PDB file of N, CA and C in Angstrom:
ATOM      1  N   TYR A   1       9.443-227.143 -15.761  1.00  0.00           N
ATOM      2  CA  TYR A   1       9.019-226.586 -17.029  1.00  0.00           C
ATOM      3  C   TYR A   1       9.103-225.071 -16.981  1.00  0.00           C
ATOM      4  N   ARG A   2       9.579-224.492 -18.057  1.00  0.00           N
ATOM      5  CA  ARG A   2       9.678-223.042 -18.135  1.00  0.00           C
ATOM      6  C   ARG A   2       8.604-222.541 -19.074  1.00  0.00           C
ATOM      7  N   ALA A   3       7.443-222.304 -18.556  1.00  0.00           N
ATOM      8  CA  ALA A   3       6.342-221.839 -19.399  1.00  0.00           C
ATOM      9  C   ALA A   3       5.477-220.867 -18.610  1.00  0.00           C
ATOM     10  N   LEU A   4       4.822-219.996 -19.332  1.00  0.00           N
ATOM     11  CA  LEU A   4       3.863-219.066 -18.747  1.00  0.00           C
ATOM     12  C   LEU A   4       2.480-219.419 -19.248  1.00  0.00           C
ATOM     13  N   ARG A   5       1.509-219.312 -18.381  1.00  0.00           N
ATOM     14  CA  ARG A   5       0.129-219.524 -18.800  1.00  0.00           C
ATOM     15  C   ARG A   5      -0.494-218.148 -18.995  1.00  0.00           C
ATOM     16  N   LEU A   6      -0.604-217.744 -20.245  1.00  0.00           N
ATOM     17  CA  LEU A   6      -1.113-216.413 -20.564  1.00  0.00           C
ATOM     18  C   LEU A   6      -2.583-216.492 -20.943  1.00  0.00           C
ATOM     19  N   ASP A   7      -3.363-215.544 -20.433  1.00  0.00           N
ATOM     20  CA  ASP A   7      -4.769-215.490 -20.829  1.00  0.00           C
ATOM     21  C   ASP A   7      -5.169-214.100 -21.315  1.00  0.00           C
ATOM     22  N   VAL A   8      -4.321-213.100 -21.091  1.00  0.00           N
ATOM     23  CA  VAL A   8      -4.603-211.747 -21.575  1.00  0.00           C
ATOM     24  C   VAL A   8      -3.348-211.156 -22.199  1.00  0.00           C
ATOM     25  N   GLY A   9      -3.549-210.121 -23.006  1.00  0.00           N
ATOM     26  CA  GLY A   9      -2.418-209.434 -23.616  1.00  0.00           C
ATOM     27  C   GLY A   9      -2.871-208.157 -24.284  1.00  0.00           C
ATOM     28  N   ASN A  10      -1.928-207.318 -24.660  1.00  0.00           N
ATOM     29  CA  ASN A  10      -2.217-206.092 -25.401  1.00  0.00           C
ATOM     30  C   ASN A  10      -2.147-206.397 -26.878  1.00  0.00           C
ATOM     31  N   PHE A  11      -3.239-206.133 -27.587  1.00  0.00           N
ATOM     32  CA  PHE A  11      -3.298-206.400 -29.014  1.00  0.00           C
ATOM     33  C   PHE A  11      -3.715-205.133 -29.740  1.00  0.00           C
ATOM     34  N   SER A  12      -3.173-204.971 -30.937  1.00  0.00           N
ATOM     35  CA  SER A  12      -3.383-203.751 -31.703  1.00  0.00           C
ATOM     36  C   SER A  12      -4.245-204.015 -32.921  1.00  0.00           C
ATOM     37  N   TRP A  13      -5.155-203.083 -33.187  1.00  0.00           N
ATOM     38  CA  TRP A  13      -5.937-203.085 -34.421  1.00  0.00           C
ATOM     39  C   TRP A  13      -5.237-202.069 -35.310  1.00  0.00           C
ATOM     40  N   GLY A  14      -4.385-202.555 -36.186  1.00  0.00           N
ATOM     41  CA  GLY A  14      -3.453-201.709 -36.917  1.00  0.00           C
ATOM     42  C   GLY A  14      -4.086-200.642 -37.775  1.00  0.00           C
ATOM     43  N   SER A  15      -5.133-200.977 -38.516  1.00  0.00           N
ATOM     44  CA  SER A  15      -5.722-200.008 -39.438  1.00  0.00           C
ATOM     45  C   SER A  15      -6.439-198.875 -38.710  1.00  0.00           C
ATOM     46  N   GLU A  16      -6.882-199.109 -37.483  1.00  0.00           N
ATOM     47  CA  GLU A  16      -7.577-198.071 -36.713  1.00  0.00           C
ATOM     48  C   GLU A  16      -6.686-197.443 -35.649  1.00  0.00           C
ATOM     49  N   CYS A  17      -5.441-197.920 -35.527  1.00  0.00           N
ATOM     50  CA  CYS A  17      -4.482-197.393 -34.558  1.00  0.00           C
ATOM     51  C   CYS A  17      -5.062-197.448 -33.140  1.00  0.00           C
ATOM     52  N   CYS A  18      -5.539-198.618 -32.765  1.00  0.00           N
ATOM     53  CA  CYS A  18      -6.207-198.813 -31.484  1.00  0.00           C
ATOM     54  C   CYS A  18      -5.602-200.036 -30.798  1.00  0.00           C
ATOM     55  N   THR A  19      -5.095-199.871 -29.580  1.00  0.00           N
ATOM     56  CA  THR A  19      -4.526-200.976 -28.812  1.00  0.00           C
ATOM     57  C   THR A  19      -5.326-201.139 -27.534  1.00  0.00           C
ATOM     58  N   ARG A  20      -5.741-202.355 -27.251  1.00  0.00           N
ATOM     59  CA  ARG A  20      -6.520-202.644 -26.051  1.00  0.00           C
ATOM     60  C   ARG A  20      -6.019-203.925 -25.390  1.00  0.00           C
ATOM     61  N   LYS A  21      -6.163-203.990 -24.075  1.00  0.00           N
ATOM     62  CA  LYS A  21      -5.852-205.210 -23.343  1.00  0.00           C
ATOM     63  C   LYS A  21      -7.072-206.112 -23.438  1.00  0.00           C
ATOM     64  N   THR A  22      -6.884-207.320 -23.952  1.00  0.00           N
ATOM     65  CA  THR A  22      -8.013-208.207 -24.185  1.00  0.00           C
ATOM     66  C   THR A  22      -7.634-209.655 -23.905  1.00  0.00           C
ATOM     67  N   ARG A  23      -8.627-210.500 -23.846  1.00  0.00           N
ATOM     68  CA  ARG A  23      -8.466-211.903 -23.490  1.00  0.00           C
ATOM     69  C   ARG A  23      -8.083-212.727 -24.715  1.00  0.00           C
ATOM     70  N   ILE A  24      -7.131-213.651 -24.547  1.00  0.00           N
ATOM     71  CA  ILE A  24      -6.749-214.577 -25.617  1.00  0.00           C
ATOM     72  C   ILE A  24      -7.683-215.776 -25.532  1.00  0.00           C
ATOM     73  N   ILE A  25      -8.377-216.090 -26.625  1.00  0.00           N
ATOM     74  CA  ILE A  25      -9.332-217.189 -26.621  1.00  0.00           C
ATOM     75  C   ILE A  25      -8.709-218.477 -27.136  1.00  0.00           C
ATOM     76  N   ASP A  26      -8.003-218.414 -28.275  1.00  0.00           N
ATOM     77  CA  ASP A  26      -7.519-219.642 -28.896  1.00  0.00           C
ATOM     78  C   ASP A  26      -6.326-219.348 -29.797  1.00  0.00           C
ATOM     79  N   VAL A  27      -5.503-220.375 -30.021  1.00  0.00           N
ATOM     80  CA  VAL A  27      -4.445-220.305 -31.030  1.00  0.00           C
ATOM     81  C   VAL A  27      -5.024-220.893 -32.303  1.00  0.00           C
ATOM     82  N   VAL A  28      -5.026-220.118 -33.381  1.00  0.00           N
ATOM     83  CA  VAL A  28      -5.682-220.520 -34.617  1.00  0.00           C
ATOM     84  C   VAL A  28      -4.704-221.117 -35.621  1.00  0.00           C
ATOM     85  N   TYR A  29      -3.504-220.551 -35.725  1.00  0.00           N
ATOM     86  CA  TYR A  29      -2.574-220.981 -36.770  1.00  0.00           C
ATOM     87  C   TYR A  29      -1.142-220.816 -36.295  1.00  0.00           C
ATOM     88  N   ASN A  30      -0.308-221.773 -36.679  1.00  0.00           N
ATOM     89  CA  ASN A  30       1.118-221.668 -36.453  1.00  0.00           C
ATOM     90  C   ASN A  30       1.824-222.232 -37.671  1.00  0.00           C
ATOM     91  N   ALA A  31       2.686-221.445 -38.280  1.00  0.00           N
ATOM     92  CA  ALA A  31       3.319-221.850 -39.531  1.00  0.00           C
ATOM     93  C   ALA A  31       4.296-223.000 -39.348  1.00  0.00           C
ATOM     94  N   SER A  32       4.897-223.123 -38.180  1.00  0.00           N
ATOM     95  CA  SER A  32       5.953-224.115 -38.025  1.00  0.00           C
ATOM     96  C   SER A  32       5.440-225.511 -37.681  1.00  0.00           C
ATOM     97  N   ASN A  33       4.358-225.613 -36.889  1.00  0.00           N
ATOM     98  CA  ASN A  33       3.977-226.930 -36.394  1.00  0.00           C
ATOM     99  C   ASN A  33       2.498-226.941 -36.001  1.00  0.00           C
ATOM    100  N   ASN A  34       1.742-227.906 -36.516  1.00  0.00           N
ATOM    101  CA  ASN A  34       0.327-228.012 -36.159  1.00  0.00           C
ATOM    102  C   ASN A  34       0.118-228.514 -34.738  1.00  0.00           C
ATOM    103  N   GLU A  35       1.098-229.181 -34.166  1.00  0.00           N
ATOM    104  CA  GLU A  35       0.956-229.646 -32.789  1.00  0.00           C
ATOM    105  C   GLU A  35       0.887-228.464 -31.824  1.00  0.00           C
ATOM    106  N   LEU A  36       1.555-227.377 -32.170  1.00  0.00           N
ATOM    107  CA  LEU A  36       1.485-226.178 -31.336  1.00  0.00           C
ATOM    108  C   LEU A  36       0.087-225.573 -31.359  1.00  0.00           C
ATOM    109  N   VAL A  37      -0.632-225.753 -32.449  1.00  0.00           N
ATOM    110  CA  VAL A  37      -2.020-225.291 -32.529  1.00  0.00           C
ATOM    111  C   VAL A  37      -2.901-226.195 -31.681  1.00  0.00           C
ATOM    112  N   ARG A  38      -2.677-227.490 -31.777  1.00  0.00           N
ATOM    113  CA  ARG A  38      -3.497-228.457 -31.041  1.00  0.00           C
ATOM    114  C   ARG A  38      -3.338-228.285 -29.532  1.00  0.00           C
ATOM    115  N   THR A  39      -2.116-228.026 -29.083  1.00  0.00           N
ATOM    116  CA  THR A  39      -1.867-227.852 -27.653  1.00  0.00           C
ATOM    117  C   THR A  39      -2.039-226.407 -27.197  1.00  0.00           C
ATOM    118  N   LYS A  40      -2.392-225.505 -28.124  1.00  0.00           N
ATOM    119  CA  LYS A  40      -2.624-224.083 -27.842  1.00  0.00           C
ATOM    120  C   LYS A  40      -1.400-223.413 -27.219  1.00  0.00           C
ATOM    121  N   THR A  41      -0.242-223.693 -27.793  1.00  0.00           N
ATOM    122  CA  THR A  41       1.008-223.113 -27.319  1.00  0.00           C
ATOM    123  C   THR A  41       1.238-221.762 -27.991  1.00  0.00           C
ATOM    124  N   LEU A  42       1.494-220.749 -27.175  1.00  0.00           N
ATOM    125  CA  LEU A  42       1.757-219.412 -27.705  1.00  0.00           C
ATOM    126  C   LEU A  42       3.243-219.257 -27.983  1.00  0.00           C
ATOM    127  N   VAL A  43       3.578-218.998 -29.225  1.00  0.00           N
ATOM    128  CA  VAL A  43       4.953-218.709 -29.616  1.00  0.00           C
ATOM    129  C   VAL A  43       4.934-217.460 -30.489  1.00  0.00           C
ATOM    130  N   LYS A  44       6.121-216.971 -30.790  1.00  0.00           N
ATOM    131  CA  LYS A  44       6.229-215.776 -31.615  1.00  0.00           C
ATOM    132  C   LYS A  44       5.630-216.036 -32.996  1.00  0.00           C
ATOM    133  N   ASN A  45       4.890-215.066 -33.512  1.00  0.00           N
ATOM    134  CA  ASN A  45       4.273-215.083 -34.846  1.00  0.00           C
ATOM    135  C   ASN A  45       3.152-216.102 -35.003  1.00  0.00           C
ATOM    136  N   CYS A  46       2.585-216.606 -33.922  1.00  0.00           N
ATOM    137  CA  CYS A  46       1.400-217.450 -34.082  1.00  0.00           C
ATOM    138  C   CYS A  46       0.177-216.533 -34.168  1.00  0.00           C
ATOM    139  N   ILE A  47      -0.869-217.025 -34.792  1.00  0.00           N
ATOM    140  CA  ILE A  47      -2.094-216.240 -34.957  1.00  0.00           C
ATOM    141  C   ILE A  47      -3.081-216.686 -33.890  1.00  0.00           C
ATOM    142  N   VAL A  48      -3.593-215.728 -33.123  1.00  0.00           N
ATOM    143  CA  VAL A  48      -4.495-216.041 -32.020  1.00  0.00           C
ATOM    144  C   VAL A  48      -5.854-215.388 -32.241  1.00  0.00           C
ATOM    145  N   LEU A  49      -6.864-215.967 -31.612  1.00  0.00           N
ATOM    146  CA  LEU A  49      -8.216-215.425 -31.618  1.00  0.00           C
ATOM    147  C   LEU A  49      -8.393-214.677 -30.303  1.00  0.00           C
ATOM    148  N   VAL A  50      -8.785-213.396 -30.371  1.00  0.00           N
ATOM    149  CA  VAL A  50      -8.941-212.588 -29.162  1.00  0.00           C
ATOM    150  C   VAL A  50     -10.391-212.152 -29.007  1.00  0.00           C
ATOM    151  N   ASP A  51     -10.739-211.770 -27.805  1.00  0.00           N
ATOM    152  CA  ASP A  51     -12.084-211.288 -27.505  1.00  0.00           C
ATOM    153  C   ASP A  51     -12.290-209.924 -28.163  1.00  0.00           C
ATOM    154  N   SER A  52     -13.417-209.747 -28.838  1.00  0.00           N
ATOM    155  CA  SER A  52     -13.644-208.524 -29.611  1.00  0.00           C
ATOM    156  C   SER A  52     -14.329-207.413 -28.818  1.00  0.00           C
ATOM    157  N   LEU A  53     -14.744-207.665 -27.596  1.00  0.00           N
ATOM    158  CA  LEU A  53     -15.526-206.686 -26.841  1.00  0.00           C
ATOM    159  C   LEU A  53     -14.831-205.319 -26.688  1.00  0.00           C
ATOM    160  N   PRO A  54     -13.552-205.240 -26.294  1.00  0.00           N
ATOM    161  CA  PRO A  54     -12.938-203.905 -26.160  1.00  0.00           C
ATOM    162  C   PRO A  54     -12.879-203.131 -27.474  1.00  0.00           C
ATOM    163  N   TYR A  55     -12.657-203.834 -28.576  1.00  0.00           N
ATOM    164  CA  TYR A  55     -12.588-203.169 -29.877  1.00  0.00           C
ATOM    165  C   TYR A  55     -13.975-202.726 -30.337  1.00  0.00           C
ATOM    166  N   ARG A  56     -14.990-203.532 -30.058  1.00  0.00           N
ATOM    167  CA  ARG A  56     -16.356-203.149 -30.418  1.00  0.00           C
ATOM    168  C   ARG A  56     -16.792-201.923 -29.622  1.00  0.00           C
ATOM    169  N   GLN A  57     -16.456-201.881 -28.334  1.00  0.00           N
ATOM    170  CA  GLN A  57     -16.795-200.723 -27.516  1.00  0.00           C
ATOM    171  C   GLN A  57     -16.094-199.464 -28.024  1.00  0.00           C
ATOM    172  N   TRP A  58     -14.827-199.594 -28.404  1.00  0.00           N
ATOM    173  CA  TRP A  58     -14.098-198.444 -28.937  1.00  0.00           C
ATOM    174  C   TRP A  58     -14.723-197.970 -30.242  1.00  0.00           C
ATOM    175  N   TYR A  59     -15.070-198.903 -31.123  1.00  0.00           N
ATOM    176  CA  TYR A  59     -15.646-198.550 -32.424  1.00  0.00           C
ATOM    177  C   TYR A  59     -16.981-197.833 -32.242  1.00  0.00           C
ATOM    178  N   GLU A  60     -17.836-198.356 -31.349  1.00  0.00           N
ATOM    179  CA  GLU A  60     -19.137-197.729 -31.109  1.00  0.00           C
ATOM    180  C   GLU A  60     -18.973-196.333 -30.523  1.00  0.00           C
ATOM    181  N   ALA A  61     -18.009-196.145 -29.633  1.00  0.00           N
ATOM    182  CA  ALA A  61     -17.801-194.826 -29.039  1.00  0.00           C
ATOM    183  C   ALA A  61     -17.183-193.856 -30.044  1.00  0.00           C
ATOM    184  N   HIS A  62     -16.309-194.346 -30.900  1.00  0.00           N
ATOM    185  CA  HIS A  62     -15.600-193.469 -31.835  1.00  0.00           C
ATOM    186  C   HIS A  62     -16.462-193.066 -33.026  1.00  0.00           C
ATOM    187  N   PHE A  63     -17.197-194.016 -33.595  1.00  0.00           N
ATOM    188  CA  PHE A  63     -17.980-193.751 -34.800  1.00  0.00           C
ATOM    189  C   PHE A  63     -19.477-193.594 -34.536  1.00  0.00           C
ATOM    190  N   ALA A  64     -19.913-193.779 -33.290  1.00  0.00           N
ATOM    191  CA  ALA A  64     -21.321-193.616 -32.893  1.00  0.00           C
ATOM    192  C   ALA A  64     -22.256-194.477 -33.729  1.00  0.00           C
ATOM    193  N   THR A  65     -21.873-195.730 -33.961  1.00  0.00           N
ATOM    194  CA  THR A  65     -22.721-196.687 -34.677  1.00  0.00           C
ATOM    195  C   THR A  65     -22.789-197.973 -33.874  1.00  0.00           C
ATOM    196  N   PRO A  66     -23.984-198.499 -33.638  1.00  0.00           N
ATOM    197  CA  PRO A  66     -24.074-199.772 -32.910  1.00  0.00           C
ATOM    198  C   PRO A  66     -23.637-200.934 -33.793  1.00  0.00           C
ATOM    199  N   LEU A  67     -22.900-201.868 -33.222  1.00  0.00           N
ATOM    200  CA  LEU A  67     -22.418-203.047 -33.945  1.00  0.00           C
ATOM    201  C   LEU A  67     -22.976-204.318 -33.313  1.00  0.00           C
ATOM    202  N   GLY A  68     -23.155-205.341 -34.121  1.00  0.00           N
ATOM    203  CA  GLY A  68     -23.500-206.657 -33.604  1.00  0.00           C
ATOM    204  C   GLY A  68     -24.895-206.769 -33.034  1.00  0.00           C
ATOM    205  N   ARG A  69     -25.846-206.017 -33.574  1.00  0.00           N
ATOM    206  CA  ARG A  69     -27.227-206.110 -33.105  1.00  0.00           C
ATOM    207  C   ARG A  69     -28.143-206.334 -34.297  1.00  0.00           C
ATOM    208  N   LYS A  70     -29.259-206.993 -34.048  1.00  0.00           N
ATOM    209  CA  LYS A  70     -30.231-207.194 -35.120  1.00  0.00           C
ATOM    210  C   LYS A  70     -30.902-205.867 -35.442  1.00  0.00           C
ATOM    211  N   LYS A  71     -31.456-205.759 -36.642  1.00  0.00           N
ATOM    212  CA  LYS A  71     -31.997-204.475 -37.102  1.00  0.00           C
ATOM    213  C   LYS A  71     -33.147-203.959 -36.242  1.00  0.00           C
ATOM    214  N   GLY A  72     -34.043-204.814 -35.802  1.00  0.00           N
ATOM    215  CA  GLY A  72     -35.190-204.346 -35.038  1.00  0.00           C
ATOM    216  C   GLY A  72     -34.980-204.346 -33.539  1.00  0.00           C
ATOM    217  N   ALA A  73     -33.783-204.664 -33.069  1.00  0.00           N
ATOM    218  CA  ALA A  73     -33.530-204.792 -31.635  1.00  0.00           C
ATOM    219  C   ALA A  73     -33.525-203.428 -30.953  1.00  0.00           C
ATOM    220  N   LYS A  74     -34.067-203.401 -29.739  1.00  0.00           N
ATOM    221  CA  LYS A  74     -34.091-202.174 -28.942  1.00  0.00           C
ATOM    222  C   LYS A  74     -32.765-202.037 -28.200  1.00  0.00           C
ATOM    223  N   LEU A  75     -32.292-200.811 -28.068  1.00  0.00           N
ATOM    224  CA  LEU A  75     -31.071-200.540 -27.323  1.00  0.00           C
ATOM    225  C   LEU A  75     -31.418-200.261 -25.869  1.00  0.00           C
ATOM    226  N   THR A  76     -30.543-200.655 -24.960  1.00  0.00           N
ATOM    227  CA  THR A  76     -30.752-200.369 -23.546  1.00  0.00           C
ATOM    228  C   THR A  76     -30.504-198.877 -23.308  1.00  0.00           C
ATOM    229  N   PRO A  77     -31.009-198.338 -22.205  1.00  0.00           N
ATOM    230  CA  PRO A  77     -30.804-196.900 -21.934  1.00  0.00           C
ATOM    231  C   PRO A  77     -29.324-196.499 -21.871  1.00  0.00           C
ATOM    232  N   GLU A  78     -28.457-197.394 -21.353  1.00  0.00           N
ATOM    233  CA  GLU A  78     -27.027-197.075 -21.292  1.00  0.00           C
ATOM    234  C   GLU A  78     -26.438-196.964 -22.695  1.00  0.00           C
ATOM    235  N   GLU A  79     -26.846-197.882 -23.583  1.00  0.00           N
ATOM    236  CA  GLU A  79     -26.351-197.842 -24.959  1.00  0.00           C
ATOM    237  C   GLU A  79     -26.875-196.611 -25.688  1.00  0.00           C
ATOM    238  N   GLU A  80     -28.137-196.249 -25.441  1.00  0.00           N
ATOM    239  CA  GLU A  80     -28.715-195.042 -26.048  1.00  0.00           C
ATOM    240  C   GLU A  80     -27.930-193.802 -25.618  1.00  0.00           C
ATOM    241  N   GLU A  81     -27.574-193.755 -24.330  1.00  0.00           N
ATOM    242  CA  GLU A  81     -26.852-192.601 -23.801  1.00  0.00           C
ATOM    243  C   GLU A  81     -25.477-192.467 -24.461  1.00  0.00           C
ATOM    244  N   VAL A  82     -24.786-193.588 -24.650  1.00  0.00           N
ATOM    245  CA  VAL A  82     -23.458-193.555 -25.268  1.00  0.00           C
ATOM    246  C   VAL A  82     -23.551-193.125 -26.723  1.00  0.00           C
ATOM    247  N   LEU A  83     -24.543-193.640 -27.449  1.00  0.00           N
ATOM    248  CA  LEU A  83     -24.650-193.346 -28.873  1.00  0.00           C
ATOM    249  C   LEU A  83     -25.215-191.958 -29.161  1.00  0.00           C
ATOM    250  N   ASN A  84     -26.017-191.410 -28.243  1.00  0.00           N
ATOM    251  CA  ASN A  84     -26.675-190.127 -28.493  1.00  0.00           C
ATOM    252  C   ASN A  84     -26.094-188.975 -27.679  1.00  0.00           C
ATOM    253  N   LYS A  85     -24.874-189.136 -27.149  1.00  0.00           N
ATOM    254  CA  LYS A  85     -24.305-188.042 -26.362  1.00  0.00           C
ATOM    255  C   LYS A  85     -23.940-186.869 -27.276  1.00  0.00           C
ATOM    256  N   LYS A  86     -23.799-185.694 -26.670  1.00  0.00           N
ATOM    257  CA  LYS A  86     -23.520-184.482 -27.428  1.00  0.00           C
ATOM    258  C   LYS A  86     -22.124-184.560 -28.049  1.00  0.00           C
ATOM    259  N   ARG A  87     -22.042-184.267 -29.345  1.00  0.00           N
ATOM    260  CA  ARG A  87     -20.779-184.341 -30.074  1.00  0.00           C
ATOM    261  C   ARG A  87     -20.530-183.026 -30.812  1.00  0.00           C
ATOM    262  N   SER A  88     -19.283-182.769 -31.096  1.00  0.00           N
ATOM    263  CA  SER A  88     -18.938-181.564 -31.848  1.00  0.00           C
ATOM    264  C   SER A  88     -19.341-181.735 -33.309  1.00  0.00           C
ATOM    265  N   LYS A  89     -19.409-180.628 -34.033  1.00  0.00           N
ATOM    266  CA  LYS A  89     -19.797-180.685 -35.451  1.00  0.00           C
ATOM    267  C   LYS A  89     -18.776-181.471 -36.262  1.00  0.00           C
ATOM    268  N   ARG A  90     -17.508-181.361 -35.905  1.00  0.00           N
ATOM    269  CA  ARG A  90     -16.468-182.086 -36.629  1.00  0.00           C
ATOM    270  C   ARG A  90     -16.641-183.598 -36.446  1.00  0.00           C
ATOM    271  N   THR A  91     -16.971-184.024 -35.241  1.00  0.00           N
ATOM    272  CA  THR A  91     -17.179-185.444 -34.987  1.00  0.00           C
ATOM    273  C   THR A  91     -18.439-185.937 -35.676  1.00  0.00           C
ATOM    274  N   GLN A  92     -19.457-185.110 -35.756  1.00  0.00           N
ATOM    275  CA  GLN A  92     -20.700-185.513 -36.413  1.00  0.00           C
ATOM    276  C   GLN A  92     -20.510-185.717 -37.905  1.00  0.00           C
ATOM    277  N   LYS A  93     -19.531-185.036 -38.517  1.00  0.00           N
ATOM    278  CA  LYS A  93     -19.264-185.214 -39.945  1.00  0.00           C
ATOM    279  C   LYS A  93     -18.760-186.609 -40.255  1.00  0.00           C
ATOM    280  N   LYS A  94     -18.069-187.242 -39.298  1.00  0.00           N
ATOM    281  CA  LYS A  94     -17.563-188.597 -39.510  1.00  0.00           C
ATOM    282  C   LYS A  94     -18.720-189.491 -39.661  1.00  0.00           C
TER     283      LYS A  94
END
């Protein structure tokens, strides 16, 4: 058999111009054949579900806003340090 078992790849978040290496979780849609979705076969132009952690970390660091937490939840000291680090005036305007 000529196949590769892929579990990671470089994926791009087009609107934010951000590319990160992340884990492939599942094949969600394939226009040509539903059996390829059932067997989780990766082919060109299939839609996959990827792990959001690298993109969430980038977003929190870039925009200084915590994501995916309940409103009353306490932040850990490491998260506080990342969100409250010293920033330039131009970055604070964002």
